[in-house]
Amino acid sequence: MNIAIVGLGRIGTSFINRVMDLKSKGIYIIAASENEDTEGKKAAMAKQIQILTPDEITTMGDYLDIIFDLTGNPKVRKDLRDGLKKRRNTYTVIAPENIVHLLWAVMEDKALPDVHLNKGY
């Protein structure tokens, strides 16, 4: 499963740090997006994960299974949907924060930080 994470603020940083450990289970982070210089962006760069714009992520076609939108910004979500639609990509899905909270609850005992609008987007 190839995933991209858009928004590497508090939730995105926690999520990417945990998901990077799942390669043995067939989950690969192939791209991430963050405008600010966050710990999550630094972690992604250290693991040589591509840092792209949200629009560039939507060009990856059906090679990309899931985009996790962790920005908390409705405009970013709309831009991602529009980008996939423009490229006629009906395969890739956009997972919002509530799906990340569900996955996190299955993977971890501690809660994720609260979502706040990422001012970088």
Protein backbone atom coordinates (compact mmCIF):
# COMPACT_ATOMS: atom_id res chain seq x y z
CA MET A 1 0.00 0.00 0.00
CA ASN A 2 1.49 3.33 -1.09
CA ILE A 3 0.45 6.37 0.87
CA ALA A 4 1.09 10.12 0.94
CA ILE A 5 0.67 12.38 3.93
CA VAL A 6 -0.36 16.00 3.43
CA GLY A 7 0.20 18.13 6.50
CA LEU A 8 3.06 17.30 8.83
CA GLY A 9 2.08 19.42 11.80
CA ARG A 10 1.41 17.87 15.21
CA ILE A 11 -0.84 15.05 14.02
CA GLY A 12 1.05 14.51 10.78
CA THR A 13 4.35 14.30 12.65
CA SER A 14 3.00 11.72 15.10
CA PHE A 15 1.39 9.77 12.27
CA ILE A 16 4.38 9.75 9.91
CA ASN A 17 6.76 8.72 12.69
CA ARG A 18 4.54 5.72 13.48
CA VAL A 19 3.71 4.74 9.89
CA MET A 20 7.36 4.82 8.80
CA ASP A 21 7.76 1.68 10.93
CA LEU A 22 5.18 -0.29 8.93
CA LYS A 23 7.22 -1.14 5.80
CA SER A 24 7.42 -4.74 6.98
CA LYS A 25 3.63 -4.82 6.72
CA GLY A 26 3.64 -3.49 3.16
CA ILE A 27 2.80 0.14 3.93
CA TYR A 28 5.06 2.66 2.20
CA ILE A 29 5.05 6.43 2.48
CA ILE A 30 5.97 7.53 -1.02
CA ALA A 31 5.37 11.28 -0.62
CA ALA A 32 4.55 13.95 1.92
CA SER A 33 3.65 17.61 1.80
CA GLU A 34 4.29 20.41 4.27
CA ASN A 35 4.98 24.11 3.74
CA GLU A 36 6.48 24.76 7.18
CA ASP A 37 9.73 23.47 8.66
CA THR A 38 8.19 20.95 11.08
CA GLU A 39 9.60 17.92 12.87
CA GLY A 40 7.46 15.73 10.60
CA LYS A 41 8.93 17.28 7.47
CA LYS A 42 12.45 16.81 8.86
CA ALA A 43 11.67 13.16 9.65
CA ALA A 44 10.31 12.58 6.14
CA MET A 45 13.35 14.19 4.55
CA ALA A 46 15.69 12.12 6.75
CA LYS A 47 13.98 8.95 5.46
CA GLN A 48 14.27 10.28 1.86
CA ILE A 49 10.51 10.57 1.43
CA GLN A 50 9.66 12.92 -1.42
CA ILE A 51 8.38 16.32 -0.28
CA LEU A 52 5.88 17.48 -2.89
CA THR A 53 3.06 19.97 -3.18
CA PRO A 54 -0.47 18.63 -2.77
CA ASP A 55 -1.00 19.15 -6.52
CA GLU A 56 2.13 17.14 -7.35
CA ILE A 57 0.86 14.34 -5.12
CA THR A 58 -2.36 14.16 -7.16
CA THR A 59 -0.28 13.48 -10.30
CA MET A 60 0.97 10.12 -8.99
CA GLY A 61 -1.95 8.23 -10.50
CA ASP A 62 -3.02 4.81 -9.31
CA TYR A 63 0.48 4.15 -7.97
CA LEU A 64 -0.81 6.02 -4.91
CA ASP A 65 -3.47 4.23 -2.87
CA ILE A 66 -4.31 6.71 -0.10
CA ILE A 67 -3.67 10.39 0.57
CA PHE A 68 -3.94 11.23 4.26
CA ASP A 69 -5.03 14.86 4.51
CA LEU A 70 -3.94 16.00 7.95
CA THR A 71 -3.98 19.74 7.36
CA GLY A 72 -7.38 20.39 8.90
CA ASN A 73 -7.93 22.80 6.03
CA PRO A 74 -11.06 22.33 3.88
CA LYS A 75 -9.43 24.18 0.96
CA VAL A 76 -6.57 21.68 0.84
CA ARG A 77 -9.05 18.79 0.83
CA LYS A 78 -11.00 20.45 -2.01
CA ASP A 79 -7.78 21.06 -3.96
CA LEU A 80 -6.78 17.42 -3.53
CA ARG A 81 -10.21 16.22 -4.73
CA ASP A 82 -10.09 18.63 -7.68
CA GLY A 83 -6.56 17.48 -8.57
CA LEU A 84 -7.58 13.82 -8.60
CA LYS A 85 -10.70 14.64 -10.61
CA LYS A 86 -8.73 16.70 -13.14
CA ARG A 87 -6.43 13.74 -13.66
CA ARG A 88 -9.36 11.32 -13.83
CA ASN A 89 -7.98 9.37 -10.89
CA THR A 90 -10.84 7.40 -9.41
CA TYR A 91 -8.53 4.95 -7.66
CA THR A 92 -6.70 7.04 -5.04
CA VAL A 93 -8.74 7.92 -1.95
CA ILE A 94 -8.36 10.87 0.40
CA ALA A 95 -8.53 9.89 4.07
CA PRO A 96 -9.37 12.70 6.51
CA GLU A 97 -8.24 13.13 10.12
CA ASN A 98 -11.03 10.98 11.59
CA ILE A 99 -9.68 7.94 9.72
CA VAL A 100 -6.22 8.66 11.12
CA HIS A 101 -7.70 8.78 14.63
CA LEU A 102 -9.32 5.41 14.02
CA LEU A 103 -6.09 3.86 12.75
CA TRP A 104 -4.15 5.42 15.61
CA ALA A 105 -6.53 3.95 18.17
CA VAL A 106 -5.87 0.50 16.69
CA MET A 107 -2.07 0.99 16.61
CA GLU A 108 -1.37 2.91 19.83
CA ASP A 109 -2.49 3.22 23.45
CA LYS A 110 -1.99 6.98 23.69
CA ALA A 111 -4.19 9.53 21.94
CA LEU A 112 -3.12 11.73 19.05
CA PRO A 113 -2.86 15.47 19.71
CA ASP A 114 -5.91 17.61 18.92
CA VAL A 115 -6.36 18.84 15.36
CA HIS A 116 -5.85 22.52 14.76
CA LEU A 117 -5.89 24.28 11.42
CA ASN A 118 -2.40 24.14 9.95
CA LYS A 119 -1.57 27.73 9.12
CA GLY A 120 1.08 26.52 6.65
CA TYR A 121 -1.69 25.60 4.24
